[in-house]
Amino acid sequence: MAATNIKGSGLLKWGTSLAVLGGLAVILSGYGYQWGWWHFSTGFSIIPWGTGSAILGGIAGTAGFFRMKERDQNYTIAGFTAMIIGLAALSNFGYWYMEVQKGYPPIHDITTDTVNPPEFDAIVPLRQDAPNPPEYIHEDGPAEAQREFYEGLETLNVSMDYDEAYDRALETAREMPWQVVGENKREGRIEAYHKLPWFGFVDDVVIRVDTTATGSKIDVRSKSRIGRGDLGVNAKRIQSYFEAYQK
């Protein structure tokens, strides 16, 4: 029997091809924006189509594989390729679906001090073309939404003296996957940015160290350069920094 007539082989080939194309579309949706091929909104619109194609292709390819009674090495590779891509796409869909269901507020400027947030200085020239301004918007801004959703995000108080607290803050910032662009010990300010993989979005961070009656306090602010909501990315970044600081 010719290989092309083996029962299930056509479905396997079609499904695997669709899964591969869907997976590539999802990957390129972000990198295409980074490379200047399209606007990020176009990249976002590609994701659901690519994910759906990868899942459908994975299901079809897997079904075709198990319908076959005769399988050579190439068919086996194709079958497992369809399964892996389909499962990866399904897992990715499930993860982001659960993230969206958490109801993150549509804010992108998060700080541990919403009354007197740390201010950007060295970062400002780097944000000159960013849609989101460097200033913290107090009126009708993110403060109330942040307090309701991230009620546990607050100033970190430590028993260290100022010099030790600042040096630790700077050392921790350098250990994060950030690029430190400014440090001013006299003013207690450290600034950095974090370029995210895939779409290459850039978020900015400013850390402020100050003295207290019992030691020092550290406040952090993290703000996206683009976009309205951040799906909790900025808050998670601050939490990760504090966790690293206290290790």
Protein backbone atom coordinates (compact mmCIF):
# COMPACT_ATOMS: atom_id res chain seq x y z
CA MET A 1 0.00 0.00 0.00
CA ALA A 2 1.42 3.39 -0.93
CA ALA A 3 2.35 5.59 1.99
CA THR A 4 -0.01 8.31 0.78
CA ASN A 5 -2.95 5.90 1.04
CA ILE A 6 -2.33 4.80 4.61
CA LYS A 7 -5.45 5.46 6.65
CA GLY A 8 -5.02 8.61 8.73
CA SER A 9 -1.85 9.82 6.99
CA GLY A 10 -3.60 12.69 5.24
CA LEU A 11 -5.16 13.93 8.48
CA LEU A 12 -1.82 13.59 10.23
CA LYS A 13 -0.02 15.65 7.59
CA TRP A 14 -2.70 18.30 7.49
CA GLY A 15 -2.94 18.55 11.28
CA THR A 16 0.81 18.69 11.82
CA SER A 17 1.21 21.38 9.16
CA LEU A 18 -1.58 23.45 10.71
CA ALA A 19 -0.13 23.04 14.21
CA VAL A 20 3.34 24.11 13.06
CA LEU A 21 2.00 27.13 11.18
CA GLY A 22 -0.16 28.12 14.14
CA GLY A 23 2.75 27.81 16.54
CA LEU A 24 4.99 29.89 14.29
CA ALA A 25 2.28 32.53 13.99
CA VAL A 26 2.06 32.87 17.77
CA ILE A 27 5.83 33.15 18.13
CA LEU A 28 6.13 35.68 15.31
CA SER A 29 3.23 37.77 16.62
CA GLY A 30 5.55 39.22 19.26
CA TYR A 31 8.86 39.16 17.46
CA GLY A 32 7.23 40.68 14.39
CA TYR A 33 6.39 43.72 16.52
CA GLN A 34 9.95 43.87 17.85
CA TRP A 35 11.32 43.72 14.31
CA GLY A 36 9.01 46.46 13.11
CA TRP A 37 6.85 44.29 10.87
CA TRP A 38 3.55 45.43 12.41
CA HIS A 39 1.90 47.30 15.27
CA PHE A 40 1.61 45.49 18.58
CA SER A 41 -2.19 45.47 18.21
CA THR A 42 -1.72 43.43 15.02
CA GLY A 43 0.50 41.05 16.94
CA PHE A 44 -2.17 40.67 19.61
CA SER A 45 -4.79 39.89 16.97
CA ILE A 46 -2.58 37.14 15.51
CA ILE A 47 -2.29 35.28 18.83
CA PRO A 48 -5.85 33.86 19.11
CA TRP A 49 -5.84 32.74 15.47
CA GLY A 50 -2.42 31.14 15.80
CA THR A 51 -3.33 29.49 19.11
CA GLY A 52 -6.60 28.15 17.73
CA SER A 53 -4.84 26.80 14.65
CA ALA A 54 -2.18 25.12 16.78
CA ILE A 55 -4.79 23.47 19.01
CA LEU A 56 -6.95 22.34 16.09
CA GLY A 57 -3.90 21.09 14.21
CA GLY A 58 -2.68 19.26 17.29
CA ILE A 59 -6.02 17.51 17.71
CA ALA A 60 -6.27 16.61 14.02
CA GLY A 61 -2.67 15.45 13.79
CA THR A 62 -3.00 13.32 16.91
CA ALA A 63 -6.24 11.79 15.64
CA GLY A 64 -4.64 11.00 12.31
CA PHE A 65 -1.62 9.46 14.01
CA PHE A 66 -3.71 7.07 16.10
CA ARG A 67 -5.85 6.11 13.11
CA MET A 68 -2.77 4.84 11.31
CA LYS A 69 -1.95 1.16 11.57
CA GLU A 70 1.36 1.54 9.78
CA ARG A 71 3.76 4.23 10.99
CA ASP A 72 7.32 4.83 9.90
CA GLN A 73 9.76 7.16 11.65
CA ASN A 74 8.60 10.26 9.75
CA TYR A 75 4.98 9.68 10.68
CA THR A 76 5.94 9.11 14.30
CA ILE A 77 7.89 12.37 14.39
CA ALA A 78 4.97 14.20 12.77
CA GLY A 79 2.53 12.71 15.25
CA PHE A 80 4.54 13.71 18.30
CA THR A 81 5.17 17.15 16.82
CA ALA A 82 1.42 17.71 16.46
CA MET A 83 0.79 16.47 20.00
CA ILE A 84 3.49 18.65 21.58
CA ILE A 85 2.50 21.82 19.75
CA GLY A 86 -1.19 21.22 20.43
CA LEU A 87 -0.61 20.63 24.15
CA ALA A 88 1.70 23.66 24.40
CA ALA A 89 -0.91 25.87 22.71
CA LEU A 90 -3.68 24.50 24.93
CA SER A 91 -1.58 25.06 28.07
CA ASN A 92 -0.73 28.60 26.97
CA PHE A 93 -4.40 29.33 26.30
CA GLY A 94 -5.37 27.93 29.69
CA TYR A 95 -2.72 29.97 31.50
CA TRP A 96 -3.72 33.29 29.95
CA TYR A 97 -7.42 32.54 30.33
CA MET A 98 -6.89 32.06 34.07
CA GLU A 99 -4.81 35.24 34.25
CA VAL A 100 -7.54 37.27 32.56
CA GLN A 101 -10.16 35.75 34.89
CA LYS A 102 -8.28 37.19 37.88
CA GLY A 103 -9.71 40.57 36.93
CA TYR A 104 -6.55 42.65 36.96
CA PRO A 105 -7.41 46.37 36.95
CA PRO A 106 -6.58 48.28 33.74
CA ILE A 107 -3.58 50.08 35.25
CA HIS A 108 0.11 50.05 34.38
CA ASP A 109 1.75 52.29 37.03
CA ILE A 110 2.27 50.46 40.32
CA THR A 111 4.03 51.79 43.41
CA THR A 112 4.39 50.95 47.07
CA ASP A 113 3.73 54.60 47.93
CA THR A 114 0.67 55.95 46.15
CA VAL A 115 0.69 59.23 48.13
CA ASN A 116 4.27 60.23 47.36
CA PRO A 117 5.48 57.80 44.68
CA PRO A 118 9.16 57.64 43.68
CA GLU A 119 9.84 59.84 40.67
CA PHE A 120 11.75 58.99 37.51
CA ASP A 121 14.78 61.07 36.60
CA ALA A 122 17.44 59.28 34.54
CA ILE A 123 14.68 57.23 32.89
CA VAL A 124 12.75 60.26 31.60
CA PRO A 125 14.82 60.78 28.40
CA LEU A 126 14.40 57.08 27.59
CA ARG A 127 10.62 57.43 27.78
CA GLN A 128 10.30 60.48 25.52
CA ASP A 129 8.62 58.49 22.74
CA ALA A 130 6.54 56.32 25.09
CA PRO A 131 2.73 56.70 24.94
CA ASN A 132 2.53 56.52 28.75
CA PRO A 133 4.03 59.62 30.44
CA PRO A 134 6.59 59.25 33.26
CA GLU A 135 4.50 61.27 35.70
CA TYR A 136 2.28 59.55 38.25
CA ILE A 137 -1.37 60.43 37.65
CA HIS A 138 -2.97 61.19 41.03
CA GLU A 139 -6.40 62.37 39.88
CA ASP A 140 -8.51 59.53 38.48
CA GLY A 141 -5.29 57.53 38.47
CA PRO A 142 -4.30 54.01 39.46
CA ALA A 143 -3.97 54.58 43.21
CA GLU A 144 -7.50 53.56 44.23
CA ALA A 145 -7.58 50.56 41.89
CA GLN A 146 -4.17 49.47 43.14
CA ARG A 147 -5.17 49.72 46.79
CA GLU A 148 -8.23 47.56 46.13
CA PHE A 149 -6.47 44.86 44.10
CA TYR A 150 -2.91 44.89 45.50
CA GLU A 151 -3.64 45.69 49.13
CA GLY A 152 -0.55 43.79 50.30
CA LEU A 153 1.85 45.83 48.18
CA GLU A 154 3.48 48.32 50.53
CA THR A 155 6.71 49.97 51.63
CA LEU A 156 9.43 47.62 52.83
CA ASN A 157 10.83 48.63 56.22
CA VAL A 158 14.21 47.24 57.27
CA SER A 159 16.42 47.62 60.33
CA MET A 160 19.52 48.46 58.25
CA ASP A 161 21.11 51.89 58.32
CA TYR A 162 20.81 54.04 55.19
CA ASP A 163 24.14 53.09 53.59
CA GLU A 164 23.59 49.38 54.04
CA ALA A 165 19.98 49.56 52.86
CA TYR A 166 20.90 51.55 49.73
CA ASP A 167 23.84 49.32 48.84
CA ARG A 168 21.64 46.27 49.25
CA ALA A 169 18.95 47.86 47.09
CA LEU A 170 21.45 48.60 44.32
CA GLU A 171 23.02 45.14 44.51
CA THR A 172 19.58 43.51 44.32
CA ALA A 173 18.57 45.66 41.34
CA ARG A 174 21.70 44.54 39.50
CA GLU A 175 20.81 40.92 40.20
CA MET A 176 17.37 41.32 38.62
CA PRO A 177 16.91 40.87 34.84
CA TRP A 178 17.01 44.65 34.52
CA GLN A 179 19.34 47.24 33.04
CA VAL A 180 20.31 49.76 35.73
CA VAL A 181 20.57 53.22 34.14
CA GLY A 182 20.78 55.53 37.13
CA GLU A 183 21.96 55.50 40.73
CA ASN A 184 22.06 58.45 43.12
CA LYS A 185 22.94 57.53 46.66
CA ARG A 186 22.61 61.11 47.90
CA GLU A 187 18.98 61.22 46.77
CA GLY A 188 18.37 57.54 47.51
CA ARG A 189 17.29 56.77 43.96
CA ILE A 190 18.00 53.78 41.70
CA GLU A 191 16.50 53.51 38.19
CA ALA A 192 16.36 50.63 35.75
CA TYR A 193 14.33 49.23 32.90
CA HIS A 194 13.22 45.71 32.06
CA LYS A 195 12.81 44.64 28.45
CA LEU A 196 10.35 41.77 28.30
CA PRO A 197 10.88 38.86 25.92
CA TRP A 198 8.61 38.09 22.97
CA PHE A 199 7.00 41.49 22.27
CA GLY A 200 9.95 43.37 23.74
CA PHE A 201 7.83 45.74 25.80
CA VAL A 202 9.89 47.91 28.16
CA ASP A 203 8.84 48.68 31.74
CA ASP A 204 10.68 51.17 33.95
CA VAL A 205 11.54 50.84 37.62
CA VAL A 206 12.56 53.44 40.19
CA ILE A 207 13.62 52.51 43.72
CA ARG A 208 13.75 55.01 46.58
CA VAL A 209 15.61 54.42 49.83
CA ASP A 210 15.01 56.68 52.84
CA THR A 211 15.68 56.69 56.56
CA THR A 212 13.20 55.93 59.34
CA ALA A 213 13.34 56.14 63.12
CA THR A 214 14.22 52.44 63.30
CA GLY A 215 16.31 51.98 60.15
CA SER A 216 15.39 52.47 56.51
CA LYS A 217 12.49 52.05 54.11
CA ILE A 218 12.41 51.05 50.45
CA ASP A 219 9.72 52.10 48.01
CA VAL A 220 9.51 50.83 44.44
CA ARG A 221 7.56 52.00 41.43
CA SER A 222 7.21 50.06 38.18
CA LYS A 223 5.54 51.53 35.10
CA SER A 224 4.92 50.28 31.57
CA ARG A 225 5.89 52.51 28.66
CA ILE A 226 3.03 51.27 26.51
CA GLY A 227 -0.41 49.79 27.08
CA ARG A 228 -3.29 50.44 29.44
CA GLY A 229 -3.32 47.29 31.58
CA ASP A 230 -0.38 45.09 32.52
CA LEU A 231 -2.03 41.85 33.75
CA GLY A 232 -0.23 42.24 37.06
CA VAL A 233 3.29 42.31 35.59
CA ASN A 234 4.43 45.48 37.39
CA ALA A 235 3.12 44.38 40.78
CA LYS A 236 4.76 40.97 40.39
CA ARG A 237 8.03 42.69 39.49
CA ILE A 238 7.97 44.72 42.70
CA GLN A 239 7.12 41.64 44.76
CA SER A 240 9.97 39.69 43.14
CA TYR A 241 12.38 42.52 43.90
CA PHE A 242 11.38 42.64 47.56
CA GLU A 243 11.70 38.86 47.83
CA ALA A 244 15.21 39.03 46.36
CA TYR A 245 16.11 41.96 48.64
CA GLN A 246 15.19 40.03 51.77
CA LYS A 247 17.07 36.83 50.90
